[in-house]
Amino acid sequence: MSDQKLYKTMTMQELIDDLDIIECFGHSGHRTHCGEISKKQKLLYAALGVEAPSLV
């Protein structure tokens, strides 16, 4: 968060809260399905250098 200067605009708790609302569902023998990912969430994942969950 420091490298991307995210602390200037949000706290760690706000970051966690923003990323925590993505719902993912897993079923035995099937792929995991994730709900819609907002534009802000995609930007946060990119800023952190992490691949966002796919919308399969």
Protein backbone atom coordinates (compact mmCIF):
# COMPACT_ATOMS: atom_id res chain seq x y z
CA MET A 1 0.00 0.00 0.00
CA SER A 2 2.88 2.35 0.74
CA ASP A 3 4.53 1.84 -2.65
CA GLN A 4 1.31 2.68 -4.48
CA LYS A 5 0.52 5.57 -2.06
CA LEU A 6 -2.85 4.03 -1.20
CA TYR A 7 -2.48 5.22 2.40
CA LYS A 8 -3.06 8.78 1.18
CA THR A 9 -6.60 7.93 0.12
CA MET A 10 -7.68 5.01 2.33
CA THR A 11 -6.94 3.05 5.47
CA MET A 12 -6.04 -0.63 5.57
CA GLN A 13 -9.52 -1.38 6.94
CA GLU A 14 -11.16 0.46 4.01
CA LEU A 15 -9.05 -1.55 1.56
CA ILE A 16 -10.04 -4.81 3.24
CA ASP A 17 -13.70 -3.77 3.30
CA ASP A 18 -13.65 -2.89 -0.41
CA LEU A 19 -12.11 -6.21 -1.40
CA ASP A 20 -14.11 -8.28 1.10
CA ILE A 21 -17.46 -7.78 -0.64
CA ILE A 22 -16.57 -9.94 -3.65
CA GLU A 23 -18.63 -13.10 -3.32
CA CYS A 24 -17.16 -16.38 -4.54
CA PHE A 25 -19.05 -19.65 -4.63
CA GLY A 26 -17.45 -23.06 -4.85
CA HIS A 27 -19.18 -26.34 -5.63
CA SER A 28 -17.65 -29.78 -5.37
CA GLY A 29 -16.11 -30.82 -8.67
CA HIS A 30 -16.83 -27.45 -10.34
CA ARG A 31 -14.90 -24.23 -10.80
CA THR A 32 -15.27 -21.39 -8.33
CA HIS A 33 -17.65 -18.66 -9.48
CA CYS A 34 -17.16 -15.07 -8.32
CA GLY A 35 -19.70 -12.28 -8.33
CA GLU A 36 -19.24 -8.98 -10.12
CA ILE A 37 -16.03 -7.06 -9.44
CA SER A 38 -16.35 -3.27 -9.40
CA LYS A 39 -14.07 -0.90 -11.30
CA LYS A 40 -12.61 0.32 -7.98
CA GLN A 41 -11.85 -3.26 -6.91
CA LYS A 42 -10.08 -3.95 -10.22
CA LEU A 43 -7.96 -0.83 -9.71
CA LEU A 44 -7.09 -1.89 -6.15
CA TYR A 45 -6.01 -5.35 -7.29
CA ALA A 46 -3.88 -3.81 -10.05
CA ALA A 47 -2.29 -1.33 -7.61
CA LEU A 48 -1.41 -4.20 -5.27
CA GLY A 49 0.04 -6.25 -8.13
CA VAL A 50 -2.45 -9.08 -7.58
CA GLU A 51 -4.55 -10.77 -10.24
CA ALA A 52 -8.26 -10.17 -9.60
CA PRO A 53 -10.53 -13.22 -9.33
CA SER A 54 -11.97 -14.18 -12.70
CA LEU A 55 -15.64 -13.82 -13.46
CA VAL A 56 -16.10 -17.40 -14.61
